[in-house]
Amino acid sequence: MAEGILADREKALEELFFEKQNRKLVEQLRAEREQTEAREGLAALTGIENDALIESLVGLELRPETWAALSLLPLVEVAWADGNVDDKERQAVLSAAEANGVGRGSASRELLESWLAERPASGYLEAWGASMVELCAQLQPEEREAMRREVTQRARRVAEATGGFLGLGKRISPDEQRVLDELDKAFAR
């Protein structure tokens, strides 16, 4: 009788072990599927064919639904240039986001707002720069220039949102100008 109880207990423990293993495998497969979908989705959305770049974007947890936030990263960088984001800069970034179809409640908007609350890691700006190099390589010179102009004008509007004293003096700080210059260089690579 004791052998029967031990055998039943052994069987129950074995089933529990395999149930846990199965859950781990299912979770691992789900995560792998999500990563594959994110890579394929970003590649299709952006036209980027560089697998290493796509992999780094996915590694930063960027997905097709948050790609728009990365396109607005230059504005966030300008807002953070002096070490903090004030209300006018924040509003300028969010207005630009809405003008580009990034509405309230979207994944891109949530990511953008998190970047305005806490400065994004440098890896995001590096990913943006690498993305611009890849995208610009696919554009005609006049298209590349139009993109450069659009990005730098939007970033300049954020820089001009505050600055000067009582509206007098330079509206763009030296730190903001440095970031604007760096953004402009991203299109020359």
N, C-alpha and C. Protein backbone atom coordinates (compact mmCIF):
# COMPACT_ATOMS: atom_id res chain seq x y z
N MET A 1 0.81 -1.19 0.00
CA MET A 1 0.00 0.00 0.00
C MET A 1 0.86 1.25 0.00
N ALA A 2 1.93 1.22 0.80
CA ALA A 2 2.84 2.36 0.84
C ALA A 2 3.48 2.59 -0.52
N GLU A 3 3.76 1.47 -1.23
CA GLU A 3 4.34 1.59 -2.56
C GLU A 3 3.38 2.29 -3.51
N GLY A 4 2.10 2.01 -3.41
CA GLY A 4 1.08 2.64 -4.25
C GLY A 4 1.00 4.14 -4.01
N ILE A 5 1.07 4.53 -2.75
CA ILE A 5 1.03 5.96 -2.40
C ILE A 5 2.27 6.65 -2.93
N LEU A 6 3.43 6.02 -2.76
CA LEU A 6 4.68 6.61 -3.25
C LEU A 6 4.67 6.71 -4.78
N ALA A 7 4.14 5.69 -5.43
CA ALA A 7 4.07 5.71 -6.90
C ALA A 7 3.15 6.83 -7.37
N ASP A 8 2.01 6.99 -6.69
CA ASP A 8 1.09 8.08 -7.05
C ASP A 8 1.74 9.44 -6.84
N ARG A 9 2.45 9.56 -5.74
CA ARG A 9 3.13 10.83 -5.42
C ARG A 9 4.22 11.12 -6.46
N GLU A 10 4.96 10.08 -6.82
CA GLU A 10 6.02 10.22 -7.83
C GLU A 10 5.42 10.65 -9.17
N LYS A 11 4.31 10.05 -9.54
CA LYS A 11 3.65 10.38 -10.80
C LYS A 11 3.16 11.84 -10.78
N ALA A 12 2.58 12.26 -9.65
CA ALA A 12 2.09 13.63 -9.53
C ALA A 12 3.24 14.63 -9.64
N LEU A 13 4.36 14.34 -8.98
CA LEU A 13 5.53 15.23 -9.06
C LEU A 13 6.09 15.28 -10.48
N GLU A 14 6.10 14.15 -11.14
CA GLU A 14 6.58 14.08 -12.52
C GLU A 14 5.69 14.93 -13.44
N GLU A 15 4.38 14.80 -13.27
CA GLU A 15 3.44 15.58 -14.08
C GLU A 15 3.61 17.08 -13.82
N LEU A 16 3.80 17.43 -12.56
CA LEU A 16 4.01 18.84 -12.20
C LEU A 16 5.28 19.37 -12.84
N PHE A 17 6.34 18.57 -12.81
CA PHE A 17 7.61 18.98 -13.43
C PHE A 17 7.41 19.25 -14.92
N PHE A 18 6.78 18.31 -15.62
CA PHE A 18 6.60 18.47 -17.06
C PHE A 18 5.62 19.60 -17.39
N GLU A 19 4.66 19.83 -16.53
CA GLU A 19 3.74 20.96 -16.74
C GLU A 19 4.51 22.28 -16.67
N LYS A 20 5.41 22.39 -15.70
CA LYS A 20 6.23 23.61 -15.58
C LYS A 20 7.15 23.75 -16.79
N GLN A 21 7.75 22.66 -17.22
CA GLN A 21 8.62 22.69 -18.40
C GLN A 21 7.83 23.12 -19.63
N ASN A 22 6.63 22.58 -19.79
CA ASN A 22 5.80 22.94 -20.94
C ASN A 22 5.45 24.42 -20.92
N ARG A 23 5.12 24.95 -19.74
CA ARG A 23 4.80 26.38 -19.63
C ARG A 23 6.00 27.23 -20.03
N LYS A 24 7.20 26.82 -19.58
CA LYS A 24 8.42 27.56 -19.94
C LYS A 24 8.64 27.54 -21.44
N LEU A 25 8.47 26.37 -22.04
CA LEU A 25 8.66 26.24 -23.49
C LEU A 25 7.64 27.06 -24.26
N VAL A 26 6.39 27.03 -23.83
CA VAL A 26 5.35 27.82 -24.50
C VAL A 26 5.67 29.31 -24.39
N GLU A 27 6.11 29.75 -23.22
CA GLU A 27 6.47 31.16 -23.03
C GLU A 27 7.66 31.53 -23.89
N GLN A 28 8.64 30.66 -23.96
CA GLN A 28 9.82 30.91 -24.79
C GLN A 28 9.43 30.99 -26.27
N LEU A 29 8.58 30.10 -26.72
CA LEU A 29 8.12 30.14 -28.12
C LEU A 29 7.33 31.41 -28.41
N ARG A 30 6.49 31.83 -27.46
CA ARG A 30 5.72 33.06 -27.62
C ARG A 30 6.65 34.26 -27.74
N ALA A 31 7.66 34.32 -26.88
CA ALA A 31 8.61 35.44 -26.91
C ALA A 31 9.39 35.45 -28.23
N GLU A 32 9.80 34.28 -28.68
CA GLU A 32 10.51 34.19 -29.96
C GLU A 32 9.62 34.63 -31.12
N ARG A 33 8.35 34.24 -31.09
CA ARG A 33 7.41 34.64 -32.14
C ARG A 33 7.22 36.16 -32.14
N GLU A 34 7.08 36.74 -30.94
CA GLU A 34 6.92 38.19 -30.84
C GLU A 34 8.15 38.92 -31.38
N GLN A 35 9.34 38.41 -31.08
CA GLN A 35 10.58 39.02 -31.58
C GLN A 35 10.63 38.94 -33.10
N THR A 36 10.27 37.79 -33.65
CA THR A 36 10.27 37.62 -35.10
C THR A 36 9.27 38.56 -35.75
N GLU A 37 8.07 38.66 -35.18
CA GLU A 37 7.05 39.56 -35.72
C GLU A 37 7.52 41.01 -35.64
N ALA A 38 8.19 41.38 -34.55
CA ALA A 38 8.69 42.75 -34.41
C ALA A 38 9.76 43.03 -35.47
N ARG A 39 10.69 42.10 -35.66
CA ARG A 39 11.73 42.29 -36.68
C ARG A 39 11.12 42.43 -38.06
N GLU A 40 10.23 41.51 -38.40
CA GLU A 40 9.61 41.54 -39.73
C GLU A 40 8.76 42.80 -39.92
N GLY A 41 8.03 43.18 -38.88
CA GLY A 41 7.19 44.37 -38.96
C GLY A 41 8.00 45.64 -39.13
N LEU A 42 9.09 45.78 -38.37
CA LEU A 42 9.95 46.96 -38.50
C LEU A 42 10.61 47.01 -39.86
N ALA A 43 11.08 45.87 -40.33
CA ALA A 43 11.72 45.83 -41.64
C ALA A 43 10.73 46.24 -42.73
N ALA A 44 9.51 45.74 -42.66
CA ALA A 44 8.50 46.08 -43.66
C ALA A 44 8.09 47.55 -43.57
N LEU A 45 7.94 48.05 -42.35
CA LEU A 45 7.51 49.43 -42.15
C LEU A 45 8.56 50.44 -42.59
N THR A 46 9.81 50.16 -42.24
CA THR A 46 10.88 51.14 -42.47
C THR A 46 11.61 50.96 -43.78
N GLY A 47 11.57 49.76 -44.32
CA GLY A 47 12.35 49.48 -45.52
C GLY A 47 13.81 49.20 -45.21
N ILE A 48 14.16 49.14 -43.94
CA ILE A 48 15.53 48.86 -43.53
C ILE A 48 15.82 47.38 -43.77
N GLU A 49 16.89 47.11 -44.50
CA GLU A 49 17.25 45.72 -44.82
C GLU A 49 18.43 45.22 -44.00
N ASN A 50 19.03 46.09 -43.22
CA ASN A 50 20.18 45.74 -42.40
C ASN A 50 19.69 44.96 -41.18
N ASP A 51 19.92 43.65 -41.17
CA ASP A 51 19.42 42.80 -40.09
C ASP A 51 19.97 43.19 -38.72
N ALA A 52 21.23 43.59 -38.67
CA ALA A 52 21.83 43.98 -37.39
C ALA A 52 21.15 45.23 -36.84
N LEU A 53 20.83 46.18 -37.71
CA LEU A 53 20.14 47.39 -37.26
C LEU A 53 18.73 47.05 -36.78
N ILE A 54 18.03 46.23 -37.53
CA ILE A 54 16.68 45.82 -37.11
C ILE A 54 16.75 45.12 -35.76
N GLU A 55 17.74 44.26 -35.60
CA GLU A 55 17.91 43.54 -34.33
C GLU A 55 18.17 44.51 -33.18
N SER A 56 18.98 45.54 -33.42
CA SER A 56 19.26 46.51 -32.35
C SER A 56 18.01 47.32 -32.02
N LEU A 57 17.20 47.64 -33.02
CA LEU A 57 15.95 48.37 -32.76
C LEU A 57 15.00 47.51 -31.91
N VAL A 58 14.90 46.24 -32.25
CA VAL A 58 14.06 45.33 -31.48
C VAL A 58 14.63 45.17 -30.07
N GLY A 59 15.96 45.14 -29.96
CA GLY A 59 16.60 45.06 -28.65
C GLY A 59 16.29 46.25 -27.76
N LEU A 60 16.00 47.40 -28.38
CA LEU A 60 15.60 48.59 -27.63
C LEU A 60 14.09 48.58 -27.36
N GLU A 61 13.46 47.46 -27.67
CA GLU A 61 12.02 47.26 -27.49
C GLU A 61 11.19 48.16 -28.38
N LEU A 62 11.75 48.54 -29.54
CA LEU A 62 10.97 49.28 -30.52
C LEU A 62 10.21 48.28 -31.38
N ARG A 63 8.99 48.61 -31.65
CA ARG A 63 8.10 47.77 -32.44
C ARG A 63 7.47 48.63 -33.53
N PRO A 64 6.83 48.03 -34.50
CA PRO A 64 6.17 48.85 -35.52
C PRO A 64 5.24 49.90 -34.91
N GLU A 65 4.56 49.53 -33.83
CA GLU A 65 3.61 50.47 -33.22
C GLU A 65 4.30 51.60 -32.44
N THR A 66 5.61 51.48 -32.20
CA THR A 66 6.33 52.56 -31.50
C THR A 66 7.35 53.25 -32.40
N TRP A 67 7.41 52.86 -33.67
CA TRP A 67 8.38 53.44 -34.60
C TRP A 67 8.22 54.95 -34.69
N ALA A 68 6.99 55.44 -34.68
CA ALA A 68 6.76 56.88 -34.79
C ALA A 68 7.46 57.64 -33.67
N ALA A 69 7.54 57.05 -32.49
CA ALA A 69 8.23 57.71 -31.38
C ALA A 69 9.71 57.90 -31.71
N LEU A 70 10.33 56.89 -32.32
CA LEU A 70 11.74 57.02 -32.67
C LEU A 70 11.94 58.15 -33.68
N SER A 71 11.00 58.33 -34.58
CA SER A 71 11.14 59.40 -35.56
C SER A 71 11.07 60.78 -34.91
N LEU A 72 10.49 60.85 -33.71
CA LEU A 72 10.40 62.12 -32.98
C LEU A 72 11.51 62.28 -31.94
N LEU A 73 12.39 61.32 -31.85
CA LEU A 73 13.47 61.37 -30.86
C LEU A 73 14.34 62.62 -30.98
N PRO A 74 14.64 63.12 -32.18
CA PRO A 74 15.43 64.35 -32.24
C PRO A 74 14.80 65.51 -31.46
N LEU A 75 13.49 65.59 -31.48
CA LEU A 75 12.81 66.65 -30.76
C LEU A 75 12.99 66.47 -29.26
N VAL A 76 12.92 65.22 -28.81
CA VAL A 76 13.12 64.91 -27.40
C VAL A 76 14.54 65.26 -26.99
N GLU A 77 15.52 64.94 -27.83
CA GLU A 77 16.92 65.25 -27.52
C GLU A 77 17.15 66.75 -27.39
N VAL A 78 16.52 67.53 -28.26
CA VAL A 78 16.65 68.99 -28.16
C VAL A 78 16.01 69.46 -26.86
N ALA A 79 14.85 68.91 -26.52
CA ALA A 79 14.18 69.31 -25.28
C ALA A 79 15.05 69.01 -24.05
N TRP A 80 15.80 67.92 -24.09
CA TRP A 80 16.66 67.53 -22.97
C TRP A 80 18.05 68.18 -23.03
N ALA A 81 18.35 68.95 -24.04
CA ALA A 81 19.70 69.48 -24.26
C ALA A 81 20.27 70.20 -23.05
N ASP A 82 19.44 70.94 -22.33
CA ASP A 82 19.94 71.69 -21.17
C ASP A 82 19.78 70.91 -19.86
N GLY A 83 19.41 69.64 -19.96
CA GLY A 83 19.34 68.81 -18.76
C GLY A 83 17.95 68.62 -18.19
N ASN A 84 16.98 69.38 -18.66
CA ASN A 84 15.60 69.18 -18.22
C ASN A 84 14.64 69.60 -19.32
N VAL A 85 13.41 69.14 -19.22
CA VAL A 85 12.37 69.46 -20.20
C VAL A 85 11.35 70.34 -19.49
N ASP A 86 11.17 71.57 -20.00
CA ASP A 86 10.15 72.42 -19.38
C ASP A 86 8.81 72.23 -20.09
N ASP A 87 7.77 72.84 -19.54
CA ASP A 87 6.41 72.64 -20.07
C ASP A 87 6.26 73.06 -21.52
N LYS A 88 6.90 74.16 -21.91
CA LYS A 88 6.77 74.63 -23.30
C LYS A 88 7.46 73.66 -24.27
N GLU A 89 8.60 73.15 -23.88
CA GLU A 89 9.29 72.17 -24.73
C GLU A 89 8.47 70.88 -24.83
N ARG A 90 7.96 70.46 -23.70
CA ARG A 90 7.12 69.25 -23.68
C ARG A 90 5.93 69.42 -24.61
N GLN A 91 5.27 70.57 -24.51
CA GLN A 91 4.10 70.82 -25.35
C GLN A 91 4.49 70.89 -26.83
N ALA A 92 5.64 71.47 -27.13
CA ALA A 92 6.09 71.54 -28.52
C ALA A 92 6.33 70.14 -29.09
N VAL A 93 6.92 69.26 -28.29
CA VAL A 93 7.17 67.88 -28.75
C VAL A 93 5.84 67.16 -28.95
N LEU A 94 4.93 67.28 -27.99
CA LEU A 94 3.65 66.58 -28.10
C LEU A 94 2.79 67.14 -29.23
N SER A 95 2.89 68.44 -29.49
CA SER A 95 2.16 69.02 -30.63
C SER A 95 2.70 68.46 -31.95
N ALA A 96 4.01 68.36 -32.04
CA ALA A 96 4.62 67.77 -33.24
C ALA A 96 4.19 66.32 -33.39
N ALA A 97 4.10 65.62 -32.28
CA ALA A 97 3.67 64.22 -32.32
C ALA A 97 2.25 64.11 -32.86
N GLU A 98 1.36 64.94 -32.34
CA GLU A 98 -0.03 64.90 -32.82
C GLU A 98 -0.11 65.27 -34.29
N ALA A 99 0.69 66.24 -34.71
CA ALA A 99 0.70 66.64 -36.12
C ALA A 99 1.18 65.50 -37.02
N ASN A 100 1.92 64.56 -36.43
CA ASN A 100 2.43 63.41 -37.18
C ASN A 100 1.61 62.15 -36.92
N GLY A 101 0.42 62.31 -36.39
CA GLY A 101 -0.48 61.17 -36.21
C GLY A 101 -0.24 60.33 -34.97
N VAL A 102 0.56 60.83 -34.04
CA VAL A 102 0.80 60.09 -32.80
C VAL A 102 -0.19 60.60 -31.76
N GLY A 103 -1.32 59.91 -31.67
CA GLY A 103 -2.40 60.36 -30.80
C GLY A 103 -2.29 59.85 -29.38
N ARG A 104 -3.09 60.45 -28.53
CA ARG A 104 -3.15 60.03 -27.13
C ARG A 104 -3.55 58.55 -27.04
N GLY A 105 -2.92 57.86 -26.11
CA GLY A 105 -3.25 56.46 -25.88
C GLY A 105 -2.50 55.48 -26.77
N SER A 106 -1.79 55.99 -27.78
CA SER A 106 -1.04 55.08 -28.65
C SER A 106 0.25 54.66 -27.97
N ALA A 107 0.79 53.54 -28.42
CA ALA A 107 2.05 53.05 -27.86
C ALA A 107 3.18 54.04 -28.09
N SER A 108 3.20 54.67 -29.27
CA SER A 108 4.24 55.67 -29.56
C SER A 108 4.11 56.87 -28.63
N ARG A 109 2.89 57.30 -28.37
CA ARG A 109 2.68 58.45 -27.48
C ARG A 109 3.15 58.11 -26.06
N GLU A 110 2.83 56.92 -25.59
CA GLU A 110 3.26 56.52 -24.25
C GLU A 110 4.78 56.48 -24.15
N LEU A 111 5.44 55.94 -25.17
CA LEU A 111 6.90 55.90 -25.18
C LEU A 111 7.47 57.32 -25.21
N LEU A 112 6.89 58.16 -26.04
CA LEU A 112 7.34 59.55 -26.15
C LEU A 112 7.19 60.27 -24.81
N GLU A 113 6.06 60.09 -24.16
CA GLU A 113 5.85 60.73 -22.86
C GLU A 113 6.83 60.20 -21.81
N SER A 114 7.17 58.92 -21.89
CA SER A 114 8.15 58.39 -20.93
C SER A 114 9.51 59.03 -21.18
N TRP A 115 9.86 59.28 -22.46
CA TRP A 115 11.12 59.94 -22.78
C TRP A 115 11.12 61.40 -22.33
N LEU A 116 9.97 62.03 -22.30
CA LEU A 116 9.90 63.41 -21.83
C LEU A 116 9.99 63.48 -20.31
N ALA A 117 9.58 62.42 -19.64
CA ALA A 117 9.66 62.36 -18.18
C ALA A 117 11.05 61.95 -17.71
N GLU A 118 11.69 61.06 -18.46
CA GLU A 118 13.03 60.58 -18.11
C GLU A 118 13.83 60.46 -19.40
N ARG A 119 14.97 61.11 -19.43
CA ARG A 119 15.78 61.15 -20.65
C ARG A 119 16.04 59.74 -21.18
N PRO A 120 15.81 59.53 -22.48
CA PRO A 120 16.05 58.20 -23.04
C PRO A 120 17.53 57.85 -23.04
N ALA A 121 17.82 56.57 -22.95
CA ALA A 121 19.20 56.08 -22.99
C ALA A 121 19.83 56.46 -24.33
N SER A 122 21.14 56.62 -24.34
CA SER A 122 21.85 57.04 -25.56
C SER A 122 21.67 56.04 -26.70
N GLY A 123 21.38 54.80 -26.37
CA GLY A 123 21.17 53.79 -27.41
C GLY A 123 20.06 54.15 -28.37
N TYR A 124 19.07 54.88 -27.89
CA TYR A 124 17.97 55.28 -28.77
C TYR A 124 18.44 56.28 -29.82
N LEU A 125 19.25 57.25 -29.40
CA LEU A 125 19.75 58.23 -30.37
C LEU A 125 20.69 57.56 -31.37
N GLU A 126 21.49 56.63 -30.89
CA GLU A 126 22.36 55.88 -31.79
C GLU A 126 21.53 55.08 -32.80
N ALA A 127 20.44 54.48 -32.32
CA ALA A 127 19.56 53.72 -33.22
C ALA A 127 18.89 54.66 -34.22
N TRP A 128 18.49 55.84 -33.77
CA TRP A 128 17.90 56.82 -34.68
C TRP A 128 18.91 57.20 -35.76
N GLY A 129 20.15 57.49 -35.35
CA GLY A 129 21.18 57.87 -36.31
C GLY A 129 21.46 56.77 -37.32
N ALA A 130 21.57 55.54 -36.83
CA ALA A 130 21.81 54.41 -37.73
C ALA A 130 20.63 54.21 -38.68
N SER A 131 19.43 54.41 -38.16
CA SER A 131 18.23 54.30 -39.01
C SER A 131 18.23 55.37 -40.09
N MET A 132 18.64 56.58 -39.73
CA MET A 132 18.68 57.66 -40.72
C MET A 132 19.70 57.36 -41.82
N VAL A 133 20.85 56.83 -41.43
CA VAL A 133 21.87 56.48 -42.43
C VAL A 133 21.28 55.46 -43.40
N GLU A 134 20.64 54.44 -42.85
CA GLU A 134 20.06 53.38 -43.69
C GLU A 134 18.93 53.93 -44.57
N LEU A 135 18.07 54.73 -43.98
CA LEU A 135 16.94 55.28 -44.75
C LEU A 135 17.42 56.26 -45.81
N CYS A 136 18.37 57.11 -45.45
CA CYS A 136 18.87 58.11 -46.40
C CYS A 136 19.57 57.46 -47.59
N ALA A 137 20.17 56.30 -47.37
CA ALA A 137 20.83 55.59 -48.46
C ALA A 137 19.82 55.14 -49.52
N GLN A 138 18.57 55.03 -49.13
CA GLN A 138 17.52 54.59 -50.05
C GLN A 138 16.81 55.76 -50.74
N LEU A 139 17.14 56.99 -50.33
CA LEU A 139 16.45 58.17 -50.85
C LEU A 139 17.26 58.87 -51.93
N GLN A 140 16.55 59.56 -52.78
CA GLN A 140 17.19 60.45 -53.75
C GLN A 140 17.71 61.66 -52.97
N PRO A 141 18.73 62.36 -53.49
CA PRO A 141 19.28 63.51 -52.76
C PRO A 141 18.23 64.54 -52.36
N GLU A 142 17.29 64.83 -53.24
CA GLU A 142 16.27 65.84 -52.90
C GLU A 142 15.32 65.33 -51.82
N GLU A 143 15.06 64.03 -51.78
CA GLU A 143 14.22 63.45 -50.73
C GLU A 143 14.96 63.48 -49.39
N ARG A 144 16.25 63.17 -49.43
CA ARG A 144 17.07 63.20 -48.22
C ARG A 144 17.12 64.62 -47.66
N GLU A 145 17.28 65.60 -48.54
CA GLU A 145 17.32 67.00 -48.10
C GLU A 145 15.97 67.41 -47.51
N ALA A 146 14.89 66.98 -48.11
CA ALA A 146 13.56 67.31 -47.58
C ALA A 146 13.37 66.70 -46.19
N MET A 147 13.84 65.47 -46.00
CA MET A 147 13.74 64.82 -44.69
C MET A 147 14.61 65.56 -43.68
N ARG A 148 15.82 65.91 -44.05
CA ARG A 148 16.71 66.65 -43.15
C ARG A 148 16.07 67.97 -42.73
N ARG A 149 15.54 68.68 -43.70
CA ARG A 149 14.91 69.97 -43.43
C ARG A 149 13.72 69.81 -42.48
N GLU A 150 12.90 68.80 -42.72
CA GLU A 150 11.72 68.56 -41.87
C GLU A 150 12.13 68.25 -40.43
N VAL A 151 13.09 67.34 -40.27
CA VAL A 151 13.53 66.96 -38.92
C VAL A 151 14.15 68.15 -38.20
N THR A 152 15.04 68.86 -38.87
CA THR A 152 15.73 69.98 -38.20
C THR A 152 14.77 71.14 -37.92
N GLN A 153 13.80 71.38 -38.79
CA GLN A 153 12.83 72.45 -38.52
C GLN A 153 11.96 72.11 -37.31
N ARG A 154 11.52 70.86 -37.22
CA ARG A 154 10.70 70.46 -36.06
C ARG A 154 11.53 70.56 -34.78
N ALA A 155 12.78 70.13 -34.84
CA ALA A 155 13.65 70.20 -33.67
C ALA A 155 13.93 71.65 -33.28
N ARG A 156 14.11 72.51 -34.27
CA ARG A 156 14.35 73.93 -34.01
C ARG A 156 13.14 74.56 -33.32
N ARG A 157 11.93 74.18 -33.73
CA ARG A 157 10.73 74.72 -33.08
C ARG A 157 10.70 74.36 -31.60
N VAL A 158 11.14 73.15 -31.26
CA VAL A 158 11.21 72.76 -29.85
C VAL A 158 12.25 73.62 -29.14
N ALA A 159 13.40 73.82 -29.76
CA ALA A 159 14.46 74.64 -29.15
C ALA A 159 13.99 76.07 -28.93
N GLU A 160 13.18 76.58 -29.84
CA GLU A 160 12.69 77.95 -29.74
C GLU A 160 11.49 78.10 -28.82
N ALA A 161 10.95 76.99 -28.34
CA ALA A 161 9.76 77.04 -27.49
C ALA A 161 10.04 77.81 -26.20
N THR A 162 11.25 77.72 -25.70
CA THR A 162 11.66 78.51 -24.54
C THR A 162 12.97 79.16 -24.91
N GLY A 163 13.44 79.99 -24.09
CA GLY A 163 14.72 80.63 -24.37
C GLY A 163 14.57 82.13 -24.35
N GLY A 164 15.68 82.79 -24.18
CA GLY A 164 15.65 84.23 -24.08
C GLY A 164 14.99 84.64 -22.76
N PHE A 165 15.10 85.89 -22.45
CA PHE A 165 14.48 86.42 -21.24
C PHE A 165 13.42 87.41 -21.67
N LEU A 166 12.18 87.14 -21.31
CA LEU A 166 11.04 87.97 -21.73
C LEU A 166 10.97 88.09 -23.25
N GLY A 167 11.36 87.01 -23.91
CA GLY A 167 11.30 87.00 -25.37
C GLY A 167 12.46 87.71 -26.03
N LEU A 168 13.44 88.17 -25.25
CA LEU A 168 14.59 88.88 -25.79
C LEU A 168 15.82 87.97 -25.73
N GLY A 169 16.79 88.28 -26.53
CA GLY A 169 18.03 87.50 -26.52
C GLY A 169 17.90 86.26 -27.37
N LYS A 170 18.92 85.42 -27.27
CA LYS A 170 18.93 84.19 -28.07
C LYS A 170 17.87 83.23 -27.56
N ARG A 171 17.10 82.72 -28.50
CA ARG A 171 16.03 81.79 -28.14
C ARG A 171 16.54 80.35 -28.10
N ILE A 172 17.68 80.10 -28.71
CA ILE A 172 18.24 78.75 -28.72
C ILE A 172 19.53 78.76 -27.91
N SER A 173 19.57 77.92 -26.90
CA SER A 173 20.75 77.87 -26.03
C SER A 173 21.91 77.20 -26.78
N PRO A 174 23.14 77.41 -26.31
CA PRO A 174 24.29 76.73 -26.93
C PRO A 174 24.15 75.20 -26.90
N ASP A 175 23.61 74.66 -25.80
CA ASP A 175 23.41 73.21 -25.72
C ASP A 175 22.41 72.73 -26.76
N GLU A 176 21.33 73.49 -26.92
CA GLU A 176 20.33 73.12 -27.93
C GLU A 176 20.92 73.22 -29.33
N GLN A 177 21.73 74.25 -29.57
CA GLN A 177 22.35 74.41 -30.89
C GLN A 177 23.30 73.26 -31.19
N ARG A 178 24.01 72.80 -30.17
CA ARG A 178 24.91 71.66 -30.34
C ARG A 178 24.12 70.42 -30.78
N VAL A 179 22.98 70.17 -30.14
CA VAL A 179 22.14 69.03 -30.52
C VAL A 179 21.60 69.21 -31.93
N LEU A 180 21.16 70.42 -32.26
CA LEU A 180 20.66 70.69 -33.62
C LEU A 180 21.75 70.42 -34.66
N ASP A 181 22.97 70.83 -34.36
CA ASP A 181 24.09 70.59 -35.28
C ASP A 181 24.35 69.10 -35.45
N GLU A 182 24.28 68.35 -34.34
CA GLU A 182 24.49 66.90 -34.41
C GLU A 182 23.40 66.22 -35.24
N LEU A 183 22.17 66.67 -35.08
CA LEU A 183 21.07 66.10 -35.86
C LEU A 183 21.28 66.36 -37.34
N ASP A 184 21.72 67.56 -37.65
CA ASP A 184 21.95 67.92 -39.05
C ASP A 184 23.04 67.04 -39.65
N LYS A 185 24.06 66.73 -38.86
CA LYS A 185 25.16 65.88 -39.34
C LYS A 185 24.71 64.46 -39.65
N ALA A 186 23.66 64.01 -38.97
CA ALA A 186 23.18 62.64 -39.18
C ALA A 186 22.76 62.42 -40.63
N PHE A 187 22.38 63.48 -41.31
CA PHE A 187 21.93 63.36 -42.69
C PHE A 187 23.08 63.47 -43.68
N ALA A 188 24.26 63.86 -43.20
CA ALA A 188 25.41 64.03 -44.09
C ALA A 188 26.23 62.74 -44.20
N ARG A 189 25.93 61.75 -43.38
CA ARG A 189 26.71 60.50 -43.36
C ARG A 189 26.49 59.69 -44.61
